Amino acid sequence: MTATDVLATLPDGASAQVAGEVLGTPQYGGAPLRATAARRGALRLRCASVLKPLIVWAAGGGRAEDGERAVRFSDNAATNRIWHAGPPPRILDRLAASTGVRWRQAGADPSWFGGVEVSATELVTAYGALARDPSAARVLDWMRAVEPEQAFGVPGAVADTLGVPAAGVAVKAGWIGHPDETVLRTHIAAVAERDGEIVVVAAMTALPYPADRERYQDALRAGRPVVDVHEALAGPLLRDLLAATCRDLARLGGR
């Protein structure tokens, strides 16, 4: 099953997209060796927390404790300290210079890092640049140590498809159902090494709310975890999309 086949199963009102690249080693540099992408629905989606490792990387020094908490535990307070200290325009400028991807602050709320609109292809390009930067090694280590309930089973799905150890797969997810939206957004990016190459994949989903929308919003306002709702709604789709994309990349390389 290809990524396009997986997207064909989406319900009405849903959007999802996925992308993947195979890159050479940091010493190789250059364009991706292989790349693929598929989409159904919206061109771009609010990023939620999937940009956090990139924000930490672009911010450079600062408090390592905040960086670790932002990546490993998806801590919003720690991320906001880094984001606002940047300040945001400077962080986005640095990301553009390092990755070639230009993102802009959310028009409705420029202070909200989670409102930046991105595509899966852009995520793959940006994480590919991060993965080939030796100075980002600590950020990748934190991504490999993300709390299991925040990884959506993706390390195992990617590892099984690529034939690599799950412990070596670096991931970061983002999840939110904002009050002004009629969908729950759940996104994830993953980085793995295989046979001297770097594989980067990312999937983004915006799926219609479950029936208990008010309960979800109550939990969100109270600061209670909602990641289990996103796992139930989007977890299987994310795993299927990323596994299919890894297979699509392998077919492009003839293996």
Protein backbone atom coordinates (compact mmCIF):
# COMPACT_ATOMS: atom_id res chain seq x y z
CA MET A 1 0.00 0.00 0.00
CA THR A 2 1.36 3.42 -0.99
CA ALA A 3 0.90 6.70 0.88
CA THR A 4 -1.64 7.74 -1.76
CA ASP A 5 -3.60 4.56 -1.03
CA VAL A 6 -3.63 5.39 2.67
CA LEU A 7 -4.85 8.94 2.00
CA ALA A 8 -7.72 7.56 -0.08
CA THR A 9 -9.21 6.12 3.14
CA LEU A 10 -9.66 9.54 4.80
CA PRO A 11 -13.18 10.44 5.94
CA ASP A 12 -15.05 13.43 4.56
CA GLY A 13 -13.84 16.74 5.97
CA ALA A 14 -10.36 15.43 6.75
CA SER A 15 -6.99 16.63 5.48
CA ALA A 16 -3.67 14.83 5.61
CA GLN A 17 -0.31 14.98 3.92
CA VAL A 18 2.97 13.13 4.11
CA ALA A 19 6.46 13.56 2.71
CA GLY A 20 9.79 11.79 2.86
CA GLU A 21 13.37 12.23 1.76
CA VAL A 22 16.48 10.11 1.75
CA LEU A 23 19.61 12.18 2.26
CA GLY A 24 23.30 11.46 2.09
CA THR A 25 25.57 11.79 5.10
CA PRO A 26 26.41 15.26 6.47
CA GLN A 27 29.64 15.14 4.49
CA TYR A 28 27.67 14.47 1.27
CA GLY A 29 25.37 17.46 1.49
CA GLY A 30 23.50 18.35 -1.67
CA ALA A 31 19.98 17.58 -2.78
CA PRO A 32 17.95 14.60 -1.53
CA LEU A 33 18.85 11.29 -3.11
CA ARG A 34 15.15 10.33 -3.22
CA ALA A 35 11.97 12.19 -2.31
CA THR A 36 8.23 11.58 -2.29
CA ALA A 37 5.09 13.37 -1.11
CA ALA A 38 1.33 12.91 -1.14
CA ARG A 39 -1.54 15.06 0.04
CA ARG A 40 -5.30 15.13 0.36
CA GLY A 41 -7.05 18.31 1.47
CA ALA A 42 -5.47 21.46 2.87
CA LEU A 43 -2.16 22.70 1.49
CA ARG A 44 -0.86 23.86 4.88
CA LEU A 45 -1.77 23.24 8.50
CA ARG A 46 -1.06 24.93 11.80
CA CYS A 47 2.03 23.25 13.16
CA ALA A 48 1.13 22.70 16.84
CA SER A 49 4.30 21.38 18.55
CA VAL A 50 6.01 19.65 15.63
CA LEU A 51 8.37 22.64 15.15
CA LYS A 52 9.74 22.57 18.70
CA PRO A 53 13.07 20.82 17.94
CA LEU A 54 13.61 23.21 15.04
CA ILE A 55 12.89 26.21 17.28
CA VAL A 56 15.35 24.92 19.89
CA TRP A 57 17.98 24.29 17.19
CA ALA A 58 17.56 27.74 15.64
CA ALA A 59 17.70 29.46 19.02
CA GLY A 60 21.20 28.07 19.57
CA GLY A 61 22.49 28.40 23.12
CA GLY A 62 20.35 29.47 26.00
CA ARG A 63 18.98 27.22 28.70
CA ALA A 64 19.58 23.58 27.83
CA GLU A 65 16.99 22.56 30.42
CA ASP A 66 14.28 24.45 28.52
CA GLY A 67 15.42 22.91 25.24
CA GLU A 68 15.25 19.39 26.61
CA ARG A 69 11.83 19.96 28.16
CA ALA A 70 10.50 21.49 24.94
CA VAL A 71 11.58 18.49 22.87
CA ARG A 72 11.34 15.47 25.16
CA PHE A 73 8.18 16.48 27.03
CA SER A 74 6.62 18.99 24.59
CA ASP A 75 6.63 21.57 27.39
CA ASN A 76 4.85 24.69 26.14
CA ALA A 77 6.16 27.00 28.87
CA ALA A 78 9.76 26.04 28.09
CA THR A 79 9.12 26.48 24.36
CA ASN A 80 7.55 29.89 24.89
CA ARG A 81 10.58 31.08 26.84
CA ILE A 82 12.84 30.07 23.95
CA TRP A 83 10.44 31.39 21.28
CA HIS A 84 9.94 34.81 22.83
CA ALA A 85 13.59 35.22 23.78
CA GLY A 86 14.46 34.62 20.11
CA PRO A 87 12.50 36.76 19.32
CA PRO A 88 10.21 34.86 16.91
CA PRO A 89 11.15 36.75 13.70
CA ARG A 90 14.83 36.08 14.36
CA ILE A 91 14.21 32.36 14.98
CA LEU A 92 12.25 32.08 11.73
CA ASP A 93 14.98 34.00 9.88
CA ARG A 94 17.61 31.61 11.23
CA LEU A 95 15.53 28.62 10.18
CA ALA A 96 15.15 30.08 6.70
CA ALA A 97 18.90 30.59 6.43
CA SER A 98 19.69 27.08 7.70
CA THR A 99 17.00 25.13 5.86
CA GLY A 100 15.83 27.19 2.90
CA VAL A 101 12.28 27.03 4.30
CA ARG A 102 10.61 30.37 5.03
CA TRP A 103 7.84 30.27 7.64
CA ARG A 104 5.90 33.23 8.95
CA GLN A 105 4.29 34.00 12.28
CA ALA A 106 0.57 33.40 12.57
CA GLY A 107 -1.35 36.43 11.36
CA ALA A 108 -4.09 36.17 13.99
CA ASP A 109 -1.64 35.69 16.87
CA PRO A 110 2.03 36.32 15.98
CA SER A 111 3.12 35.31 19.48
CA TRP A 112 1.77 31.74 19.11
CA PHE A 113 4.44 29.32 17.88
CA GLY A 114 1.83 26.64 17.26
CA GLY A 115 -0.02 28.84 14.77
CA VAL A 116 2.76 28.81 12.18
CA GLU A 117 1.38 27.14 9.04
CA VAL A 118 3.58 24.46 7.46
CA SER A 119 3.47 21.59 4.98
CA ALA A 120 4.84 18.08 5.32
CA THR A 121 7.33 18.73 2.51
CA GLU A 122 8.66 21.78 4.35
CA LEU A 123 8.99 19.80 7.56
CA VAL A 124 11.01 17.11 5.82
CA THR A 125 13.31 19.72 4.25
CA ALA A 126 13.85 21.49 7.57
CA TYR A 127 14.41 18.32 9.60
CA GLY A 128 16.76 17.08 6.91
CA ALA A 129 18.91 20.16 7.44
CA LEU A 130 18.80 19.66 11.20
CA ALA A 131 19.77 16.00 10.85
CA ARG A 132 22.88 16.87 8.84
CA ASP A 133 24.08 19.58 11.23
CA PRO A 134 26.58 18.18 13.77
CA SER A 135 25.63 20.95 16.21
CA ALA A 136 22.10 19.51 16.36
CA ALA A 137 23.23 16.17 17.80
CA ARG A 138 21.85 16.99 21.25
CA VAL A 139 18.46 17.95 19.80
CA LEU A 140 18.29 14.63 17.92
CA ASP A 141 19.20 12.78 21.11
CA TRP A 142 16.28 14.47 22.86
CA MET A 143 14.00 13.47 19.97
CA ARG A 144 15.10 9.86 20.45
CA ALA A 145 14.14 10.16 24.13
CA VAL A 146 10.62 11.58 23.61
CA GLU A 147 8.10 10.19 26.08
CA PRO A 148 6.53 7.02 24.57
CA GLU A 149 2.96 8.31 24.85
CA GLN A 150 4.00 11.36 22.81
CA ALA A 151 5.65 9.31 20.05
CA PHE A 152 2.42 7.72 18.75
CA GLY A 153 4.16 4.41 18.12
CA VAL A 154 6.03 5.95 15.19
CA PRO A 155 9.56 4.85 16.19
CA GLY A 156 8.45 1.24 16.01
CA ALA A 157 6.52 1.68 12.76
CA VAL A 158 9.42 3.42 11.02
CA ALA A 159 11.99 1.02 12.47
CA ASP A 160 10.06 -2.06 11.36
CA THR A 161 9.71 -0.70 7.82
CA LEU A 162 13.33 0.38 7.48
CA GLY A 163 14.83 -2.54 9.38
CA VAL A 164 16.61 -0.37 11.95
CA PRO A 165 16.45 -0.28 15.78
CA ALA A 166 13.49 1.70 17.14
CA ALA A 167 15.76 3.33 19.73
CA GLY A 168 17.61 5.08 16.92
CA VAL A 169 14.51 6.75 15.44
CA ALA A 170 14.19 10.42 16.46
CA VAL A 171 10.64 11.83 16.52
CA LYS A 172 8.63 14.88 17.51
CA ALA A 173 4.86 15.13 17.38
CA GLY A 174 2.42 17.97 17.71
CA TRP A 175 -1.25 17.75 18.66
CA ILE A 176 -4.00 20.30 19.29
CA GLY A 177 -7.67 20.94 18.69
CA HIS A 178 -7.93 24.72 18.84
CA PRO A 179 -11.32 26.17 19.86
CA ASP A 180 -11.69 27.93 16.50
CA GLU A 181 -11.23 24.71 14.52
CA THR A 182 -13.54 21.85 13.67
CA VAL A 183 -10.71 19.31 13.49
CA LEU A 184 -8.04 17.82 15.69
CA ARG A 185 -4.57 18.29 14.28
CA THR A 186 -1.95 15.60 14.92
CA HIS A 187 1.47 15.78 13.22
CA ILE A 188 4.81 14.02 13.54
CA ALA A 189 8.29 14.10 12.02
CA ALA A 190 10.81 11.26 12.23
CA VAL A 191 14.51 10.93 11.44
CA ALA A 192 16.41 7.65 11.11
CA GLU A 193 19.72 6.46 9.69
CA ARG A 194 19.97 3.42 7.42
CA ASP A 195 22.98 2.10 5.53
CA GLY A 196 24.83 5.41 5.68
CA GLU A 197 21.80 7.43 4.58
CA ILE A 198 19.42 9.66 6.52
CA VAL A 199 15.69 9.03 6.13
CA VAL A 200 13.35 11.89 7.08
CA VAL A 201 9.57 11.50 7.00
CA ALA A 202 6.73 13.69 8.24
CA ALA A 203 2.96 13.36 8.33
CA MET A 204 0.31 15.94 9.16
CA THR A 205 -3.36 15.27 9.81
CA ALA A 206 -6.47 17.34 10.48
CA LEU A 207 -9.34 15.01 11.31
CA PRO A 208 -12.93 15.86 12.28
CA TYR A 209 -13.55 16.10 16.01
CA PRO A 210 -14.76 13.06 17.89
CA ALA A 211 -18.24 13.18 19.36
CA ASP A 212 -17.05 14.45 22.75
CA ARG A 213 -15.74 17.80 21.51
CA GLU A 214 -16.83 19.74 24.58
CA ARG A 215 -15.12 17.26 26.90
CA TYR A 216 -11.94 17.67 24.88
CA GLN A 217 -12.08 21.47 25.13
CA ASP A 218 -12.79 21.28 28.87
CA ALA A 219 -9.69 19.11 29.33
CA LEU A 220 -7.63 21.48 27.21
CA ARG A 221 -8.70 24.52 29.22
CA ALA A 222 -7.96 22.69 32.47
CA GLY A 223 -4.49 21.71 31.30
CA ARG A 224 -5.26 17.98 31.36
CA PRO A 225 -3.52 15.69 28.84
CA VAL A 226 -5.40 15.10 25.59
CA VAL A 227 -2.75 13.10 23.75
CA ASP A 228 -4.77 9.89 24.22
CA VAL A 229 -7.63 11.40 22.21
CA HIS A 230 -5.23 12.18 19.38
CA GLU A 231 -3.74 8.69 19.51
CA ALA A 232 -7.17 7.10 19.22
CA LEU A 233 -8.19 9.39 16.36
CA ALA A 234 -4.96 9.80 14.37
CA GLY A 235 -2.35 7.37 15.67
CA PRO A 236 -3.09 4.50 13.26
CA LEU A 237 -3.23 6.91 10.31
CA LEU A 238 0.11 8.50 11.20
CA ARG A 239 1.80 5.11 11.50
CA ASP A 240 0.30 3.87 8.22
CA LEU A 241 1.28 7.06 6.37
CA LEU A 242 4.88 7.03 7.55
CA ALA A 243 5.36 3.30 6.98
CA ALA A 244 3.91 3.64 3.48
CA THR A 245 6.16 6.61 2.75
CA CYS A 246 9.22 4.65 3.86
CA ARG A 247 8.18 1.90 1.45
CA ASP A 248 7.61 4.46 -1.33
CA LEU A 249 11.14 5.79 -0.79
CA ALA A 250 12.54 2.26 -0.88
CA ARG A 251 10.79 1.59 -4.19
CA LEU A 252 12.33 4.73 -5.66
CA GLY A 253 15.76 3.38 -4.68
CA GLY A 254 15.05 -0.12 -5.93
CA ARG A 255 15.26 -1.71 -2.48
